[in-house]
Amino acid sequence: MEHISTVMFSLFRGTPGHGEWVVHCLQEAWPAIVGQGIARACRPGAFEGSRLTIAVEDAAWESALASMKDELVDRIRQATGGEVREISFSLLQ
């Protein structure tokens, strides 16, 4: 049996608002996915293809998160039923 998130993400795949929908879903669950401390320093920014761009508070946090990239990808991939397969970071403007 498929996980409900896999079904939900697949329903919106290919639609014009798919990326925004993925980001919104992740924003709602962000602290549970990455932990409270990390969630205070960054947030889901944009989603395109299979890549999530994470907006990060500052360069120090960007460096710290880059060192945890594999673990973060695994957590986010699991939370999205495999929808997110890659992440990148950008500094908040």
C-alpha atoms as a PDB file:
ATOM      1  CA  MET A   1       0.000   0.000   0.000  1.00  0.00           C
ATOM      2  CA  GLU A   2       1.319   3.445  -0.925  1.00  0.00           C
ATOM      3  CA  HIS A   3       1.885   6.120   1.689  1.00  0.00           C
ATOM      4  CA  ILE A   4      -0.697   8.927   1.472  1.00  0.00           C
ATOM      5  CA  SER A   5       1.978  11.558   0.792  1.00  0.00           C
ATOM      6  CA  THR A   6       3.113   9.629  -2.285  1.00  0.00           C
ATOM      7  CA  VAL A   7      -0.433   9.626  -3.625  1.00  0.00           C
ATOM      8  CA  MET A   8      -1.005  13.307  -2.839  1.00  0.00           C
ATOM      9  CA  PHE A   9       2.239  14.488  -4.429  1.00  0.00           C
ATOM     10  CA  SER A  10       1.559  12.418  -7.536  1.00  0.00           C
ATOM     11  CA  LEU A  11      -1.875  14.014  -7.961  1.00  0.00           C
ATOM     12  CA  PHE A  12      -0.328  17.461  -8.417  1.00  0.00           C
ATOM     13  CA  ARG A  13       2.737  16.403 -10.432  1.00  0.00           C
ATOM     14  CA  GLY A  14       2.820  18.115 -13.816  1.00  0.00           C
ATOM     15  CA  THR A  15       0.338  20.841 -12.866  1.00  0.00           C
ATOM     16  CA  PRO A  16       1.336  24.540 -13.025  1.00  0.00           C
ATOM     17  CA  GLY A  17       1.186  24.953  -9.242  1.00  0.00           C
ATOM     18  CA  HIS A  18       2.994  21.735  -8.346  1.00  0.00           C
ATOM     19  CA  GLY A  19       6.208  23.382  -7.122  1.00  0.00           C
ATOM     20  CA  GLU A  20       4.348  25.881  -4.956  1.00  0.00           C
ATOM     21  CA  TRP A  21       2.185  23.094  -3.541  1.00  0.00           C
ATOM     22  CA  VAL A  22       5.259  21.027  -2.580  1.00  0.00           C
ATOM     23  CA  VAL A  23       6.874  24.057  -0.891  1.00  0.00           C
ATOM     24  CA  HIS A  24       3.682  24.854   1.025  1.00  0.00           C
ATOM     25  CA  CYS A  25       3.339  21.271   2.251  1.00  0.00           C
ATOM     26  CA  LEU A  26       6.951  21.268   3.378  1.00  0.00           C
ATOM     27  CA  GLN A  27       6.610  24.640   5.137  1.00  0.00           C
ATOM     28  CA  GLU A  28       3.769  23.253   7.240  1.00  0.00           C
ATOM     29  CA  ALA A  29       5.773  20.204   8.317  1.00  0.00           C
ATOM     30  CA  TRP A  30       9.269  21.739   8.281  1.00  0.00           C
ATOM     31  CA  PRO A  31      10.031  21.663  12.055  1.00  0.00           C
ATOM     32  CA  ALA A  32       8.961  18.014  12.250  1.00  0.00           C
ATOM     33  CA  ILE A  33      11.078  17.104   9.227  1.00  0.00           C
ATOM     34  CA  VAL A  34      14.335  18.914  10.031  1.00  0.00           C
ATOM     35  CA  GLY A  35      14.003  19.698  13.745  1.00  0.00           C
ATOM     36  CA  GLN A  36      13.128  22.912  15.562  1.00  0.00           C
ATOM     37  CA  GLY A  37      16.655  24.398  15.614  1.00  0.00           C
ATOM     38  CA  ILE A  38      17.282  23.923  11.909  1.00  0.00           C
ATOM     39  CA  ALA A  39      13.752  25.088  11.064  1.00  0.00           C
ATOM     40  CA  ARG A  40      14.469  28.436  12.749  1.00  0.00           C
ATOM     41  CA  ALA A  41      17.473  28.979  10.449  1.00  0.00           C
ATOM     42  CA  CYS A  42      16.016  27.970   7.084  1.00  0.00           C
ATOM     43  CA  ARG A  43      12.850  27.214   5.172  1.00  0.00           C
ATOM     44  CA  PRO A  44      11.734  25.604   1.927  1.00  0.00           C
ATOM     45  CA  GLY A  45      12.118  28.222  -0.793  1.00  0.00           C
ATOM     46  CA  ALA A  46      11.356  26.752  -4.217  1.00  0.00           C
ATOM     47  CA  PHE A  47      10.811  23.396  -5.870  1.00  0.00           C
ATOM     48  CA  GLU A  48      11.508  22.554  -9.496  1.00  0.00           C
ATOM     49  CA  GLY A  49      11.889  19.147 -11.113  1.00  0.00           C
ATOM     50  CA  SER A  50      13.055  17.089  -8.171  1.00  0.00           C
ATOM     51  CA  ARG A  51      15.169  19.816  -6.508  1.00  0.00           C
ATOM     52  CA  LEU A  52      14.173  21.741  -3.399  1.00  0.00           C
ATOM     53  CA  THR A  53      15.988  25.019  -2.804  1.00  0.00           C
ATOM     54  CA  ILE A  54      16.251  25.797   0.881  1.00  0.00           C
ATOM     55  CA  ALA A  55      16.449  29.468   1.873  1.00  0.00           C
ATOM     56  CA  VAL A  56      19.029  29.851   4.648  1.00  0.00           C
ATOM     57  CA  GLU A  57      19.400  32.651   7.198  1.00  0.00           C
ATOM     58  CA  ASP A  58      23.174  33.200   6.838  1.00  0.00           C
ATOM     59  CA  ALA A  59      26.412  31.775   5.449  1.00  0.00           C
ATOM     60  CA  ALA A  60      27.315  30.006   8.709  1.00  0.00           C
ATOM     61  CA  TRP A  61      24.045  28.071   8.638  1.00  0.00           C
ATOM     62  CA  GLU A  62      24.469  27.390   4.929  1.00  0.00           C
ATOM     63  CA  SER A  63      27.838  25.775   5.634  1.00  0.00           C
ATOM     64  CA  ALA A  64      26.462  23.752   8.549  1.00  0.00           C
ATOM     65  CA  LEU A  65      23.509  22.519   6.493  1.00  0.00           C
ATOM     66  CA  ALA A  66      25.752  21.641   3.555  1.00  0.00           C
ATOM     67  CA  SER A  67      27.652  19.291   5.862  1.00  0.00           C
ATOM     68  CA  MET A  68      24.338  17.566   6.684  1.00  0.00           C
ATOM     69  CA  LYS A  69      23.076  17.507   3.113  1.00  0.00           C
ATOM     70  CA  ASP A  70      22.732  13.732   2.736  1.00  0.00           C
ATOM     71  CA  GLU A  71      20.790  13.389   5.984  1.00  0.00           C
ATOM     72  CA  LEU A  72      18.514  16.312   5.079  1.00  0.00           C
ATOM     73  CA  VAL A  73      17.826  14.885   1.612  1.00  0.00           C
ATOM     74  CA  ASP A  74      16.887  11.554   3.186  1.00  0.00           C
ATOM     75  CA  ARG A  75      14.495  13.175   5.679  1.00  0.00           C
ATOM     76  CA  ILE A  76      12.865  15.371   3.039  1.00  0.00           C
ATOM     77  CA  ARG A  77      12.659  12.557   0.484  1.00  0.00           C
ATOM     78  CA  GLN A  78      10.941  10.377   3.058  1.00  0.00           C
ATOM     79  CA  ALA A  79       8.499  13.153   4.008  1.00  0.00           C
ATOM     80  CA  THR A  80       7.561  13.759   0.368  1.00  0.00           C
ATOM     81  CA  GLY A  81       7.264  10.158  -0.743  1.00  0.00           C
ATOM     82  CA  GLY A  82      10.355  10.543  -2.940  1.00  0.00           C
ATOM     83  CA  GLU A  83       9.219  13.751  -4.646  1.00  0.00           C
ATOM     84  CA  VAL A  84      12.303  15.688  -3.490  1.00  0.00           C
ATOM     85  CA  ARG A  85      15.506  13.940  -4.548  1.00  0.00           C
ATOM     86  CA  GLU A  86      17.970  16.840  -4.444  1.00  0.00           C
ATOM     87  CA  ILE A  87      18.439  19.986  -2.373  1.00  0.00           C
ATOM     88  CA  SER A  88      20.406  23.172  -2.770  1.00  0.00           C
ATOM     89  CA  PHE A  89      20.811  26.215  -0.553  1.00  0.00           C
ATOM     90  CA  SER A  90      20.424  29.940  -1.113  1.00  0.00           C
ATOM     91  CA  LEU A  91      20.849  32.801   1.311  1.00  0.00           C
ATOM     92  CA  LEU A  92      17.723  34.688   2.330  1.00  0.00           C
ATOM     93  CA  GLN A  93      17.585  38.088   0.686  1.00  0.00           C
END
